[in-house]
N, C-alpha and C. Protein backbone atom coordinates (compact mmCIF):
# COMPACT_ATOMS: atom_id res chain seq x y z
N MET A 1 121.09 80.22 228.00
CA MET A 1 121.60 79.33 226.96
C MET A 1 120.44 78.46 226.48
N ASN A 2 120.22 78.45 225.18
CA ASN A 2 119.11 77.63 224.70
C ASN A 2 119.54 76.19 224.50
N ASN A 3 118.58 75.32 224.18
CA ASN A 3 118.87 73.89 224.08
C ASN A 3 119.87 73.56 222.99
N MET A 4 119.82 74.28 221.88
CA MET A 4 120.76 74.02 220.80
C MET A 4 122.19 74.30 221.24
N ASP A 5 122.39 75.42 221.93
CA ASP A 5 123.72 75.74 222.43
C ASP A 5 124.20 74.67 223.41
N MET A 6 123.30 74.20 224.27
CA MET A 6 123.66 73.18 225.25
C MET A 6 124.01 71.87 224.54
N ALA A 7 123.28 71.52 223.49
CA ALA A 7 123.58 70.30 222.75
C ALA A 7 124.95 70.40 222.09
N LYS A 8 125.27 71.56 221.51
CA LYS A 8 126.58 71.77 220.90
C LYS A 8 127.67 71.67 221.96
N LEU A 9 127.44 72.28 223.11
CA LEU A 9 128.42 72.25 224.20
C LEU A 9 128.66 70.81 224.65
N MET A 10 127.61 70.05 224.85
CA MET A 10 127.76 68.66 225.30
C MET A 10 128.49 67.83 224.25
N ASN A 11 128.21 68.08 222.97
CA ASN A 11 128.89 67.38 221.90
C ASN A 11 130.39 67.68 221.90
N LEU A 12 130.74 68.96 222.06
CA LEU A 12 132.15 69.34 222.14
C LEU A 12 132.84 68.71 223.34
N LEU A 13 132.17 68.73 224.49
CA LEU A 13 132.77 68.18 225.70
C LEU A 13 133.00 66.69 225.57
N SER A 14 132.13 65.99 224.87
CA SER A 14 132.27 64.54 224.74
C SER A 14 133.49 64.16 223.90
N LYS A 15 133.99 65.09 223.08
CA LYS A 15 135.13 64.81 222.20
C LYS A 15 136.47 65.21 222.81
N MET A 16 136.45 65.83 223.98
CA MET A 16 137.68 66.35 224.58
C MET A 16 138.29 65.35 225.54
N ASP A 17 139.63 65.39 225.65
CA ASP A 17 140.27 64.61 226.70
C ASP A 17 140.26 65.45 227.98
N LYS A 18 140.78 64.87 229.07
CA LYS A 18 140.69 65.54 230.37
C LYS A 18 141.37 66.91 230.38
N LYS A 19 142.56 67.01 229.78
CA LYS A 19 143.29 68.28 229.79
C LYS A 19 142.51 69.34 229.00
N GLU A 20 142.00 68.95 227.82
CA GLU A 20 141.22 69.90 227.02
C GLU A 20 139.96 70.31 227.76
N LEU A 21 139.34 69.35 228.44
CA LEU A 21 138.11 69.63 229.18
C LEU A 21 138.38 70.65 230.29
N GLU A 22 139.49 70.47 231.02
CA GLU A 22 139.83 71.42 232.08
C GLU A 22 140.07 72.81 231.51
N GLN A 23 140.77 72.88 230.38
CA GLN A 23 141.01 74.18 229.74
C GLN A 23 139.69 74.80 229.29
N GLY A 24 138.81 73.98 228.73
CA GLY A 24 137.50 74.48 228.28
C GLY A 24 136.67 75.01 229.44
N LEU A 25 136.69 74.28 230.54
CA LEU A 25 135.92 74.72 231.71
C LEU A 25 136.49 76.00 232.30
N ASN A 26 137.82 76.11 232.30
CA ASN A 26 138.44 77.35 232.79
C ASN A 26 138.05 78.52 231.89
N LYS A 27 138.05 78.30 230.58
CA LYS A 27 137.66 79.36 229.63
C LYS A 27 136.19 79.73 229.84
N ALA A 28 135.35 78.71 230.04
CA ALA A 28 133.92 78.98 230.26
C ALA A 28 133.72 79.81 231.53
N ALA A 29 134.44 79.47 232.59
CA ALA A 29 134.34 80.23 233.83
C ALA A 29 134.80 81.67 233.61
N GLN A 30 135.88 81.82 232.84
CA GLN A 30 136.41 83.15 232.54
C GLN A 30 135.36 83.97 231.77
N ILE A 31 134.71 83.33 230.81
CA ILE A 31 133.67 84.02 230.01
C ILE A 31 132.52 84.44 230.91
N LEU A 32 132.06 83.52 231.76
CA LEU A 32 130.91 83.82 232.62
C LEU A 32 131.20 84.94 233.61
N ASN A 33 132.45 85.04 234.03
CA ASN A 33 132.82 86.05 235.03
C ASN A 33 133.31 87.36 234.42
N SER A 34 133.38 87.42 233.10
CA SER A 34 133.96 88.58 232.43
C SER A 34 132.90 89.56 231.94
N PRO A 35 133.18 90.85 232.06
CA PRO A 35 132.26 91.83 231.48
C PRO A 35 132.37 91.86 229.95
N ASP A 36 133.46 91.31 229.40
CA ASP A 36 133.67 91.30 227.95
C ASP A 36 133.37 89.93 227.35
N LYS A 37 132.23 89.35 227.71
CA LYS A 37 131.87 88.01 227.23
C LYS A 37 131.92 87.91 225.71
N ASP A 38 131.33 88.87 225.01
CA ASP A 38 131.27 88.81 223.55
C ASP A 38 132.67 88.83 222.93
N LYS A 39 133.55 89.62 223.48
CA LYS A 39 134.91 89.70 222.96
C LYS A 39 135.62 88.35 223.07
N ILE A 40 135.49 87.70 224.23
CA ILE A 40 136.14 86.41 224.45
C ILE A 40 135.53 85.36 223.51
N ILE A 41 134.22 85.35 223.38
CA ILE A 41 133.56 84.38 222.50
C ILE A 41 133.99 84.59 221.06
N ASN A 42 134.10 85.84 220.64
CA ASN A 42 134.55 86.12 219.28
C ASN A 42 135.98 85.62 219.05
N GLU A 43 136.84 85.79 220.05
CA GLU A 43 138.23 85.31 219.92
C GLU A 43 138.25 83.78 219.78
N ILE A 44 137.43 83.10 220.56
CA ILE A 44 137.36 81.64 220.49
C ILE A 44 136.88 81.21 219.10
N ASN A 45 135.87 81.89 218.60
CA ASN A 45 135.34 81.54 217.29
C ASN A 45 136.37 81.79 216.20
N LYS A 46 137.15 82.85 216.30
CA LYS A 46 138.20 83.12 215.32
C LYS A 46 139.25 82.02 215.35
N ASN A 47 139.66 81.61 216.57
CA ASN A 47 140.67 80.56 216.71
C ASN A 47 140.17 79.21 216.22
N LYS A 48 138.88 78.97 216.39
CA LYS A 48 138.28 77.70 215.98
C LYS A 48 138.31 77.55 214.46
N ASP A 49 138.18 78.66 213.74
CA ASP A 49 138.14 78.63 212.28
C ASP A 49 139.51 78.41 211.66
N LYS A 50 140.57 78.56 212.44
CA LYS A 50 141.93 78.43 211.89
C LYS A 50 142.29 76.99 211.65
C-alpha cells in the first residue's frame, strides 16, 4: 500500500463512528484474507458511488 492509499484510508477512518469502523476493519480483514481481493474492492467502489 503506498502512502497516498494510506492517507486516504486514515482520512476515511477519522470520519467513521465506532460501528462503521468495526465494519470497515472486518471488511479490510476479509479483503486481505481473500483470494478475490480485486472483486471485493470493486464491489466496495461500486457501492461507494451510489
